[in-house]
PDB file of all heavy atoms in Angstrom:
ATOM      1  N   TRP A   1     -28.364   4.591  -1.594  1.00  0.00           N
ATOM      2  CA  TRP A   1     -27.587   4.055  -2.712  1.00  0.00           C
ATOM      3  C   TRP A   1     -26.391   4.959  -3.022  1.00  0.00           C
ATOM      4  O   TRP A   1     -25.271   4.467  -3.219  1.00  0.00           O
ATOM      5  CB  TRP A   1     -28.461   3.894  -3.953  1.00  0.00           C
ATOM      6  CG  TRP A   1     -27.747   3.157  -5.052  1.00  0.00           C
ATOM      7  CD1 TRP A   1     -27.600   1.812  -5.173  1.00  0.00           C
ATOM      8  CD2 TRP A   1     -27.049   3.745  -6.159  1.00  0.00           C
ATOM      9  NE1 TRP A   1     -26.854   1.511  -6.290  1.00  0.00           N
ATOM     10  CE2 TRP A   1     -26.501   2.673  -6.919  1.00  0.00           C
ATOM     11  CE3 TRP A   1     -26.837   5.046  -6.587  1.00  0.00           C
ATOM     12  CZ2 TRP A   1     -25.762   2.883  -8.073  1.00  0.00           C
ATOM     13  CZ3 TRP A   1     -26.095   5.254  -7.741  1.00  0.00           C
ATOM     14  CH2 TRP A   1     -25.569   4.197  -8.477  1.00  0.00           C
ATOM     15  N   LEU A   2     -26.596   6.259  -3.042  1.00  0.00           N
ATOM     16  CA  LEU A   2     -25.489   7.184  -3.303  1.00  0.00           C
ATOM     17  C   LEU A   2     -24.441   7.113  -2.199  1.00  0.00           C
ATOM     18  O   LEU A   2     -23.232   7.168  -2.463  1.00  0.00           O
ATOM     19  CB  LEU A   2     -26.020   8.615  -3.434  1.00  0.00           C
ATOM     20  CG  LEU A   2     -26.881   8.898  -4.673  1.00  0.00           C
ATOM     21  CD1 LEU A   2     -27.461  10.308  -4.605  1.00  0.00           C
ATOM     22  CD2 LEU A   2     -26.062   8.726  -5.952  1.00  0.00           C
ATOM     23  N   ALA A   3     -24.892   6.979  -0.951  1.00  0.00           N
ATOM     24  CA  ALA A   3     -23.948   6.855   0.167  1.00  0.00           C
ATOM     25  C   ALA A   3     -23.131   5.573   0.042  1.00  0.00           C
ATOM     26  O   ALA A   3     -21.929   5.546   0.324  1.00  0.00           O
ATOM     27  CB  ALA A   3     -24.697   6.882   1.496  1.00  0.00           C
ATOM     28  N   LEU A   4     -23.769   4.487  -0.414  1.00  0.00           N
ATOM     29  CA  LEU A   4     -23.060   3.221  -0.607  1.00  0.00           C
ATOM     30  C   LEU A   4     -21.991   3.348  -1.690  1.00  0.00           C
ATOM     31  O   LEU A   4     -20.919   2.748  -1.584  1.00  0.00           O
ATOM     32  CB  LEU A   4     -24.049   2.112  -0.968  1.00  0.00           C
ATOM     33  CG  LEU A   4     -24.967   1.632   0.158  1.00  0.00           C
ATOM     34  CD1 LEU A   4     -26.016   0.668  -0.380  1.00  0.00           C
ATOM     35  CD2 LEU A   4     -24.162   0.957   1.271  1.00  0.00           C
ATOM     36  N   VAL A   5     -22.281   4.122  -2.718  1.00  0.00           N
ATOM     37  CA  VAL A   5     -21.290   4.347  -3.781  1.00  0.00           C
ATOM     38  C   VAL A   5     -20.049   5.011  -3.193  1.00  0.00           C
ATOM     39  O   VAL A   5     -18.910   4.620  -3.499  1.00  0.00           O
ATOM     40  CB  VAL A   5     -21.888   5.216  -4.908  1.00  0.00           C
ATOM     41  CG1 VAL A   5     -20.790   5.726  -5.851  1.00  0.00           C
ATOM     42  CG2 VAL A   5     -22.903   4.410  -5.703  1.00  0.00           C
ATOM     43  N   TYR A   6     -20.249   6.016  -2.346  1.00  0.00           N
ATOM     44  CA  TYR A   6     -19.115   6.684  -1.697  1.00  0.00           C
ATOM     45  C   TYR A   6     -18.288   5.682  -0.875  1.00  0.00           C
ATOM     46  O   TYR A   6     -17.054   5.709  -0.892  1.00  0.00           O
ATOM     47  CB  TYR A   6     -19.609   7.798  -0.773  1.00  0.00           C
ATOM     48  CG  TYR A   6     -19.848   9.127  -1.450  1.00  0.00           C
ATOM     49  CD1 TYR A   6     -20.595  10.115  -0.823  1.00  0.00           C
ATOM     50  CD2 TYR A   6     -19.314   9.408  -2.699  1.00  0.00           C
ATOM     51  CE1 TYR A   6     -20.817  11.348  -1.426  1.00  0.00           C
ATOM     52  CE2 TYR A   6     -19.525  10.629  -3.312  1.00  0.00           C
ATOM     53  CZ  TYR A   6     -20.272  11.603  -2.675  1.00  0.00           C
ATOM     54  OH  TYR A   6     -20.470  12.812  -3.276  1.00  0.00           O
ATOM     55  N   ILE A   7     -18.971   4.806  -0.142  1.00  0.00           N
ATOM     56  CA  ILE A   7     -18.277   3.827   0.687  1.00  0.00           C
ATOM     57  C   ILE A   7     -17.438   2.888  -0.174  1.00  0.00           C
ATOM     58  O   ILE A   7     -16.270   2.614   0.116  1.00  0.00           O
ATOM     59  CB  ILE A   7     -19.283   3.017   1.531  1.00  0.00           C
ATOM     60  CG1 ILE A   7     -20.008   3.934   2.528  1.00  0.00           C
ATOM     61  CG2 ILE A   7     -18.578   1.887   2.280  1.00  0.00           C
ATOM     62  CD1 ILE A   7     -21.147   3.248   3.273  1.00  0.00           C
ATOM     63  N   VAL A   8     -18.029   2.386  -1.266  1.00  0.00           N
ATOM     64  CA  VAL A   8     -17.324   1.452  -2.145  1.00  0.00           C
ATOM     65  C   VAL A   8     -16.098   2.120  -2.768  1.00  0.00           C
ATOM     66  O   VAL A   8     -15.017   1.524  -2.836  1.00  0.00           O
ATOM     67  CB  VAL A   8     -18.270   0.903  -3.235  1.00  0.00           C
ATOM     68  CG1 VAL A   8     -17.490   0.077  -4.255  1.00  0.00           C
ATOM     69  CG2 VAL A   8     -19.370   0.056  -2.608  1.00  0.00           C
ATOM     70  N   VAL A   9     -16.245   3.370  -3.218  1.00  0.00           N
ATOM     71  CA  VAL A   9     -15.112   4.089  -3.818  1.00  0.00           C
ATOM     72  C   VAL A   9     -13.983   4.241  -2.805  1.00  0.00           C
ATOM     73  O   VAL A   9     -12.813   3.932  -3.094  1.00  0.00           O
ATOM     74  CB  VAL A   9     -15.546   5.475  -4.330  1.00  0.00           C
ATOM     75  CG1 VAL A   9     -14.331   6.299  -4.748  1.00  0.00           C
ATOM     76  CG2 VAL A   9     -16.479   5.327  -5.524  1.00  0.00           C
ATOM     77  N   ALA A  10     -14.301   4.718  -1.609  1.00  0.00           N
ATOM     78  CA  ALA A  10     -13.273   4.998  -0.602  1.00  0.00           C
ATOM     79  C   ALA A  10     -12.518   3.735  -0.205  1.00  0.00           C
ATOM     80  O   ALA A  10     -11.277   3.715  -0.182  1.00  0.00           O
ATOM     81  CB  ALA A  10     -13.912   5.643   0.629  1.00  0.00           C
ATOM     82  N   PHE A  11     -13.247   2.657   0.082  1.00  0.00           N
ATOM     83  CA  PHE A  11     -12.587   1.452   0.577  1.00  0.00           C
ATOM     84  C   PHE A  11     -11.918   0.649  -0.534  1.00  0.00           C
ATOM     85  O   PHE A  11     -10.906  -0.024  -0.291  1.00  0.00           O
ATOM     86  CB  PHE A  11     -13.575   0.589   1.361  1.00  0.00           C
ATOM     87  CG  PHE A  11     -13.897   1.123   2.724  1.00  0.00           C
ATOM     88  CD1 PHE A  11     -15.206   1.306   3.129  1.00  0.00           C
ATOM     89  CD2 PHE A  11     -12.889   1.464   3.607  1.00  0.00           C
ATOM     90  CE1 PHE A  11     -15.505   1.802   4.389  1.00  0.00           C
ATOM     91  CE2 PHE A  11     -13.173   1.970   4.866  1.00  0.00           C
ATOM     92  CZ  PHE A  11     -14.477   2.133   5.263  1.00  0.00           C
ATOM     93  N   THR A  12     -12.464   0.695  -1.737  1.00  0.00           N
ATOM     94  CA  THR A  12     -11.815   0.004  -2.857  1.00  0.00           C
ATOM     95  C   THR A  12     -10.449   0.608  -3.137  1.00  0.00           C
ATOM     96  O   THR A  12      -9.435  -0.110  -3.228  1.00  0.00           O
ATOM     97  CB  THR A  12     -12.676   0.091  -4.127  1.00  0.00           C
ATOM     98  OG1 THR A  12     -13.903  -0.618  -3.922  1.00  0.00           O
ATOM     99  CG2 THR A  12     -11.962  -0.522  -5.332  1.00  0.00           C
ATOM    100  N   ASP A  13     -10.395   1.925  -3.269  1.00  0.00           N
ATOM    101  CA  ASP A  13      -9.119   2.565  -3.610  1.00  0.00           C
ATOM    102  C   ASP A  13      -8.135   2.488  -2.450  1.00  0.00           C
ATOM    103  O   ASP A  13      -6.918   2.371  -2.666  1.00  0.00           O
ATOM    104  CB  ASP A  13      -9.359   4.020  -4.007  1.00  0.00           C
ATOM    105  CG  ASP A  13      -8.143   4.632  -4.685  1.00  0.00           C
ATOM    106  OD1 ASP A  13      -7.767   4.169  -5.777  1.00  0.00           O
ATOM    107  OD2 ASP A  13      -7.549   5.559  -4.112  1.00  0.00           O
ATOM    108  N   MET A  14      -8.628   2.539  -1.224  1.00  0.00           N
ATOM    109  CA  MET A  14      -7.737   2.421  -0.067  1.00  0.00           C
ATOM    110  C   MET A  14      -7.062   1.048  -0.061  1.00  0.00           C
ATOM    111  O   MET A  14      -5.848   0.930   0.150  1.00  0.00           O
ATOM    112  CB  MET A  14      -8.539   2.615   1.222  1.00  0.00           C
ATOM    113  CG  MET A  14      -7.695   2.605   2.480  1.00  0.00           C
ATOM    114  SD  MET A  14      -8.730   2.826   3.942  1.00  0.00           S
ATOM    115  CE  MET A  14      -9.362   4.475   3.655  1.00  0.00           C
ATOM    116  N   THR A  15      -7.844  -0.006  -0.329  1.00  0.00           N
ATOM    117  CA  THR A  15      -7.288  -1.357  -0.356  1.00  0.00           C
ATOM    118  C   THR A  15      -6.320  -1.525  -1.516  1.00  0.00           C
ATOM    119  O   THR A  15      -5.246  -2.129  -1.365  1.00  0.00           O
ATOM    120  CB  THR A  15      -8.419  -2.390  -0.465  1.00  0.00           C
ATOM    121  OG1 THR A  15      -9.351  -2.180   0.594  1.00  0.00           O
ATOM    122  CG2 THR A  15      -7.877  -3.806  -0.383  1.00  0.00           C
ATOM    123  N   ALA A  16      -6.666  -0.993  -2.690  1.00  0.00           N
ATOM    124  CA  ALA A  16      -5.798  -1.103  -3.859  1.00  0.00           C
ATOM    125  C   ALA A  16      -4.440  -0.456  -3.598  1.00  0.00           C
ATOM    126  O   ALA A  16      -3.394  -1.002  -3.976  1.00  0.00           O
ATOM    127  CB  ALA A  16      -6.461  -0.459  -5.070  1.00  0.00           C
ATOM    128  N   ASN A  17      -4.435   0.688  -2.946  1.00  0.00           N
ATOM    129  CA  ASN A  17      -3.176   1.356  -2.624  1.00  0.00           C
ATOM    130  C   ASN A  17      -2.357   0.561  -1.612  1.00  0.00           C
ATOM    131  O   ASN A  17      -1.123   0.624  -1.618  1.00  0.00           O
ATOM    132  CB  ASN A  17      -3.453   2.763  -2.084  1.00  0.00           C
ATOM    133  CG  ASN A  17      -3.638   3.790  -3.187  1.00  0.00           C
ATOM    134  OD1 ASN A  17      -2.685   4.377  -3.674  1.00  0.00           O
ATOM    135  ND2 ASN A  17      -4.887   3.992  -3.596  1.00  0.00           N
ATOM    136  N   MET A  18      -3.040  -0.210  -0.754  1.00  0.00           N
ATOM    137  CA  MET A  18      -2.332  -1.007   0.247  1.00  0.00           C
ATOM    138  C   MET A  18      -1.593  -2.185  -0.367  1.00  0.00           C
ATOM    139  O   MET A  18      -0.688  -2.746   0.255  1.00  0.00           O
ATOM    140  CB  MET A  18      -3.324  -1.529   1.284  1.00  0.00           C
ATOM    141  CG  MET A  18      -3.786  -0.507   2.289  1.00  0.00           C
ATOM    142  SD  MET A  18      -4.954  -1.238   3.449  1.00  0.00           S
ATOM    143  CE  MET A  18      -3.953  -2.541   4.146  1.00  0.00           C
ATOM    144  N   PHE A  19      -1.952  -2.603  -1.573  1.00  0.00           N
ATOM    145  CA  PHE A  19      -1.325  -3.753  -2.213  1.00  0.00           C
ATOM    146  C   PHE A  19      -0.053  -3.386  -2.980  1.00  0.00           C
ATOM    147  O   PHE A  19       0.587  -4.251  -3.578  1.00  0.00           O
ATOM    148  CB  PHE A  19      -2.310  -4.422  -3.176  1.00  0.00           C
ATOM    149  CG  PHE A  19      -3.421  -5.178  -2.489  1.00  0.00           C
ATOM    150  CD1 PHE A  19      -4.577  -5.505  -3.168  1.00  0.00           C
ATOM    151  CD2 PHE A  19      -3.314  -5.554  -1.161  1.00  0.00           C
ATOM    152  CE1 PHE A  19      -5.604  -6.197  -2.557  1.00  0.00           C
ATOM    153  CE2 PHE A  19      -4.328  -6.246  -0.534  1.00  0.00           C
ATOM    154  CZ  PHE A  19      -5.475  -6.576  -1.229  1.00  0.00           C
ATOM    155  N   ILE A  20       0.285  -2.098  -2.988  1.00  0.00           N
ATOM    156  CA  ILE A  20       1.440  -1.627  -3.753  1.00  0.00           C
ATOM    157  C   ILE A  20       2.503  -1.072  -2.800  1.00  0.00           C
ATOM    158  O   ILE A  20       2.192  -0.360  -1.853  1.00  0.00           O
ATOM    159  CB  ILE A  20       1.027  -0.529  -4.757  1.00  0.00           C
ATOM    160  CG1 ILE A  20      -0.135  -1.007  -5.624  1.00  0.00           C
ATOM    161  CG2 ILE A  20       2.205  -0.111  -5.627  1.00  0.00           C
ATOM    162  CD1 ILE A  20       0.158  -2.265  -6.419  1.00  0.00           C
ATOM    163  N   GLY A  21       3.774  -1.377  -3.098  1.00  0.00           N
ATOM    164  CA  GLY A  21       4.869  -0.829  -2.311  1.00  0.00           C
ATOM    165  C   GLY A  21       5.334  -1.775  -1.223  1.00  0.00           C
ATOM    166  O   GLY A  21       5.083  -2.987  -1.253  1.00  0.00           O
ATOM    167  N   ALA A  22       6.028  -1.220  -0.247  1.00  0.00           N
ATOM    168  CA  ALA A  22       6.591  -2.014   0.850  1.00  0.00           C
ATOM    169  C   ALA A  22       6.908  -1.085   2.010  1.00  0.00           C
ATOM    170  O   ALA A  22       6.863   0.141   1.873  1.00  0.00           O
ATOM    171  CB  ALA A  22       7.853  -2.746   0.386  1.00  0.00           C
ATOM    172  N   MET A  23       7.211  -1.682   3.157  1.00  0.00           N
ATOM    173  CA  MET A  23       7.604  -0.885   4.310  1.00  0.00           C
ATOM    174  C   MET A  23       8.620  -1.672   5.137  1.00  0.00           C
ATOM    175  O   MET A  23       8.640  -2.906   5.118  1.00  0.00           O
ATOM    176  CB  MET A  23       6.397  -0.504   5.165  1.00  0.00           C
ATOM    177  CG  MET A  23       5.714  -1.656   5.873  1.00  0.00           C
ATOM    178  SD  MET A  23       4.365  -1.133   6.956  1.00  0.00           S
ATOM    179  CE  MET A  23       5.272  -0.315   8.256  1.00  0.00           C
ATOM    180  N   ASP A  24       9.473  -0.947   5.819  1.00  0.00           N
ATOM    181  CA  ASP A  24      10.440  -1.546   6.730  1.00  0.00           C
ATOM    182  C   ASP A  24      10.001  -1.216   8.148  1.00  0.00           C
ATOM    183  O   ASP A  24      10.125  -0.071   8.600  1.00  0.00           O
ATOM    184  CB  ASP A  24      11.845  -0.990   6.469  1.00  0.00           C
ATOM    185  CG  ASP A  24      12.919  -1.721   7.265  1.00  0.00           C
ATOM    186  OD1 ASP A  24      12.577  -2.271   8.318  1.00  0.00           O
ATOM    187  OD2 ASP A  24      14.084  -1.726   6.833  1.00  0.00           O
ATOM    188  N   PRO A  25       9.437  -2.181   8.873  1.00  0.00           N
ATOM    189  CA  PRO A  25       8.938  -1.905  10.224  1.00  0.00           C
ATOM    190  C   PRO A  25      10.031  -1.463  11.194  1.00  0.00           C
ATOM    191  O   PRO A  25       9.732  -0.792  12.181  1.00  0.00           O
ATOM    192  CB  PRO A  25       8.346  -3.256  10.658  1.00  0.00           C
ATOM    193  CG  PRO A  25       8.143  -4.024   9.401  1.00  0.00           C
ATOM    194  CD  PRO A  25       9.214  -3.577   8.471  1.00  0.00           C
ATOM    195  N   VAL A  26      11.272  -1.821  10.911  1.00  0.00           N
ATOM    196  CA  VAL A  26      12.364  -1.484  11.823  1.00  0.00           C
ATOM    197  C   VAL A  26      12.751  -0.019  11.706  1.00  0.00           C
ATOM    198  O   VAL A  26      12.863   0.711  12.690  1.00  0.00           O
ATOM    199  CB  VAL A  26      13.587  -2.390  11.576  1.00  0.00           C
ATOM    200  CG1 VAL A  26      14.750  -1.960  12.471  1.00  0.00           C
ATOM    201  CG2 VAL A  26      13.227  -3.847  11.827  1.00  0.00           C
ATOM    202  N   THR A  27      12.927   0.450  10.460  1.00  0.00           N
ATOM    203  CA  THR A  27      13.341   1.846  10.246  1.00  0.00           C
ATOM    204  C   THR A  27      12.161   2.788  10.095  1.00  0.00           C
ATOM    205  O   THR A  27      12.316   4.003  10.205  1.00  0.00           O
ATOM    206  CB  THR A  27      14.218   1.945   8.987  1.00  0.00           C
ATOM    207  OG1 THR A  27      13.442   1.561   7.834  1.00  0.00           O
ATOM    208  CG2 THR A  27      15.425   1.038   9.089  1.00  0.00           C
ATOM    209  N   GLY A  28      10.965   2.220   9.809  1.00  0.00           N
ATOM    210  CA  GLY A  28       9.790   3.068   9.600  1.00  0.00           C
ATOM    211  C   GLY A  28       9.721   3.665   8.209  1.00  0.00           C
ATOM    212  O   GLY A  28       8.866   4.507   7.931  1.00  0.00           O
ATOM    213  N   VAL A  29      10.591   3.213   7.301  1.00  0.00           N
ATOM    214  CA  VAL A  29      10.613   3.733   5.936  1.00  0.00           C
ATOM    215  C   VAL A  29       9.587   2.981   5.090  1.00  0.00           C
ATOM    216  O   VAL A  29       9.482   1.755   5.173  1.00  0.00           O
ATOM    217  CB  VAL A  29      12.017   3.570   5.310  1.00  0.00           C
ATOM    218  CG1 VAL A  29      12.006   4.011   3.838  1.00  0.00           C
ATOM    219  CG2 VAL A  29      13.035   4.376   6.095  1.00  0.00           C
ATOM    220  N   SER A  30       8.817   3.714   4.283  1.00  0.00           N
ATOM    221  CA  SER A  30       7.870   3.091   3.366  1.00  0.00           C
ATOM    222  C   SER A  30       8.295   3.379   1.929  1.00  0.00           C
ATOM    223  O   SER A  30       8.935   4.393   1.646  1.00  0.00           O
ATOM    224  CB  SER A  30       6.450   3.613   3.607  1.00  0.00           C
ATOM    225  OG  SER A  30       6.384   5.008   3.402  1.00  0.00           O
ATOM    226  N   TYR A  31       7.950   2.474   1.029  1.00  0.00           N
ATOM    227  CA  TYR A  31       8.314   2.587  -0.376  1.00  0.00           C
ATOM    228  C   TYR A  31       7.039   2.571  -1.210  1.00  0.00           C
ATOM    229  O   TYR A  31       6.174   1.717  -1.030  1.00  0.00           O
ATOM    230  CB  TYR A  31       9.220   1.424  -0.787  1.00  0.00           C
ATOM    231  CG  TYR A  31      10.478   1.301   0.060  1.00  0.00           C
ATOM    232  CD1 TYR A  31      10.490   0.480   1.192  1.00  0.00           C
ATOM    233  CD2 TYR A  31      11.623   2.016  -0.253  1.00  0.00           C
ATOM    234  CE1 TYR A  31      11.625   0.370   1.981  1.00  0.00           C
ATOM    235  CE2 TYR A  31      12.768   1.911   0.537  1.00  0.00           C
ATOM    236  CZ  TYR A  31      12.759   1.085   1.653  1.00  0.00           C
ATOM    237  OH  TYR A  31      13.887   0.976   2.433  1.00  0.00           O
ATOM    238  N   LYS A  32       6.945   3.530  -2.132  1.00  0.00           N
ATOM    239  CA  LYS A  32       5.746   3.661  -2.950  1.00  0.00           C
ATOM    240  C   LYS A  32       5.595   2.520  -3.941  1.00  0.00           C
ATOM    241  O   LYS A  32       4.496   2.203  -4.382  1.00  0.00           O
ATOM    242  CB  LYS A  32       5.759   4.998  -3.711  1.00  0.00           C
ATOM    243  CG  LYS A  32       5.630   6.219  -2.815  1.00  0.00           C
ATOM    244  CD  LYS A  32       4.276   6.264  -2.117  1.00  0.00           C
ATOM    245  CE  LYS A  32       4.100   7.539  -1.309  1.00  0.00           C
ATOM    246  NZ  LYS A  32       2.798   7.555  -0.582  1.00  0.00           N
ATOM    247  N   ALA A  33       6.713   1.917  -4.348  1.00  0.00           N
ATOM    248  CA  ALA A  33       6.689   0.809  -5.297  1.00  0.00           C
ATOM    249  C   ALA A  33       7.655  -0.267  -4.824  1.00  0.00           C
ATOM    250  O   ALA A  33       8.665   0.029  -4.173  1.00  0.00           O
ATOM    251  CB  ALA A  33       7.063   1.289  -6.696  1.00  0.00           C
ATOM    252  N   ALA A  34       7.354  -1.525  -5.158  1.00  0.00           N
ATOM    253  CA  ALA A  34       8.226  -2.617  -4.749  1.00  0.00           C
ATOM    254  C   ALA A  34       9.614  -2.463  -5.352  1.00  0.00           C
ATOM    255  O   ALA A  34      10.616  -2.841  -4.736  1.00  0.00           O
ATOM    256  CB  ALA A  34       7.607  -3.956  -5.166  1.00  0.00           C
ATOM    257  N   ALA A  35       9.690  -1.880  -6.560  1.00  0.00           N
ATOM    258  CA  ALA A  35      10.977  -1.704  -7.227  1.00  0.00           C
ATOM    259  C   ALA A  35      11.873  -0.704  -6.502  1.00  0.00           C
ATOM    260  O   ALA A  35      13.087  -0.670  -6.731  1.00  0.00           O
ATOM    261  CB  ALA A  35      10.766  -1.251  -8.674  1.00  0.00           C
ATOM    262  N   ASP A  36      11.296   0.116  -5.633  1.00  0.00           N
ATOM    263  CA  ASP A  36      12.082   1.121  -4.904  1.00  0.00           C
ATOM    264  C   ASP A  36      12.812   0.542  -3.703  1.00  0.00           C
ATOM    265  O   ASP A  36      13.648   1.218  -3.093  1.00  0.00           O
ATOM    266  CB  ASP A  36      11.172   2.267  -4.439  1.00  0.00           C
ATOM    267  CG  ASP A  36      10.553   3.032  -5.603  1.00  0.00           C
ATOM    268  OD1 ASP A  36      11.126   2.992  -6.698  1.00  0.00           O
ATOM    269  OD2 ASP A  36       9.495   3.661  -5.393  1.00  0.00           O
ATOM    270  N   VAL A  37      12.478  -0.700  -3.325  1.00  0.00           N
ATOM    271  CA  VAL A  37      13.145  -1.327  -2.179  1.00  0.00           C
ATOM    272  C   VAL A  37      14.612  -1.559  -2.528  1.00  0.00           C
ATOM    273  O   VAL A  37      14.924  -2.089  -3.596  1.00  0.00           O
ATOM    274  CB  VAL A  37      12.463  -2.664  -1.820  1.00  0.00           C
ATOM    275  CG1 VAL A  37      13.194  -3.345  -0.678  1.00  0.00           C
ATOM    276  CG2 VAL A  37      11.008  -2.428  -1.441  1.00  0.00           C
ATOM    277  N   PRO A  38      15.536  -1.158  -1.666  1.00  0.00           N
ATOM    278  CA  PRO A  38      16.970  -1.313  -1.965  1.00  0.00           C
ATOM    279  C   PRO A  38      17.358  -2.760  -2.257  1.00  0.00           C
ATOM    280  O   PRO A  38      16.767  -3.698  -1.693  1.00  0.00           O
ATOM    281  CB  PRO A  38      17.663  -0.809  -0.693  1.00  0.00           C
ATOM    282  CG  PRO A  38      16.647   0.045  -0.015  1.00  0.00           C
ATOM    283  CD  PRO A  38      15.317  -0.527  -0.355  1.00  0.00           C
ATOM    284  N   ALA A  39      18.305  -2.923  -3.157  1.00  0.00           N
ATOM    285  CA  ALA A  39      18.803  -4.260  -3.478  1.00  0.00           C
ATOM    286  C   ALA A  39      19.367  -4.914  -2.229  1.00  0.00           C
ATOM    287  O   ALA A  39      20.060  -4.288  -1.433  1.00  0.00           O
ATOM    288  CB  ALA A  39      19.879  -4.170  -4.562  1.00  0.00           C
ATOM    289  N   GLY A  40      19.035  -6.184  -2.042  1.00  0.00           N
ATOM    290  CA  GLY A  40      19.529  -6.906  -0.877  1.00  0.00           C
ATOM    291  C   GLY A  40      18.516  -6.985   0.249  1.00  0.00           C
ATOM    292  O   GLY A  40      18.602  -7.858   1.106  1.00  0.00           O
ATOM    293  N   ALA A  41      17.554  -6.043   0.260  1.00  0.00           N
ATOM    294  CA  ALA A  41      16.497  -6.121   1.278  1.00  0.00           C
ATOM    295  C   ALA A  41      15.576  -7.276   0.922  1.00  0.00           C
ATOM    296  O   ALA A  41      15.347  -7.560  -0.249  1.00  0.00           O
ATOM    297  CB  ALA A  41      15.716  -4.815   1.334  1.00  0.00           C
ATOM    298  N   ALA A  42      15.045  -7.947   1.914  1.00  0.00           N
ATOM    299  CA  ALA A  42      14.254  -9.147   1.633  1.00  0.00           C
ATOM    300  C   ALA A  42      12.981  -9.178   2.441  1.00  0.00           C
ATOM    301  O   ALA A  42      12.909  -8.649   3.535  1.00  0.00           O
ATOM    302  CB  ALA A  42      15.085 -10.395   1.931  1.00  0.00           C
ATOM    303  N   GLY A  43      11.989  -9.836   1.845  1.00  0.00           N
ATOM    304  CA  GLY A  43      10.743 -10.096   2.564  1.00  0.00           C
ATOM    305  C   GLY A  43      10.872 -11.434   3.266  1.00  0.00           C
ATOM    306  O   GLY A  43      11.965 -11.874   3.619  1.00  0.00           O
ATOM    307  N   GLY A  44       9.753 -12.139   3.404  1.00  0.00           N
ATOM    308  CA  GLY A  44       9.817 -13.428   4.080  1.00  0.00           C
ATOM    309  C   GLY A  44      10.264 -13.269   5.509  1.00  0.00           C
ATOM    310  O   GLY A  44       9.631 -12.605   6.312  1.00  0.00           O
TER     311      GLY A  44
END
């Protein structure tokens, strides 16, 4: 049970961090927050 708690903590927070920010696959630049993405850059 204690080991399962460790697993849930690690994977929950890892996934939560993955839902925030953005990345540019071409330049390899990552952004900690969506608001940090330069104006004019687009998703889709």
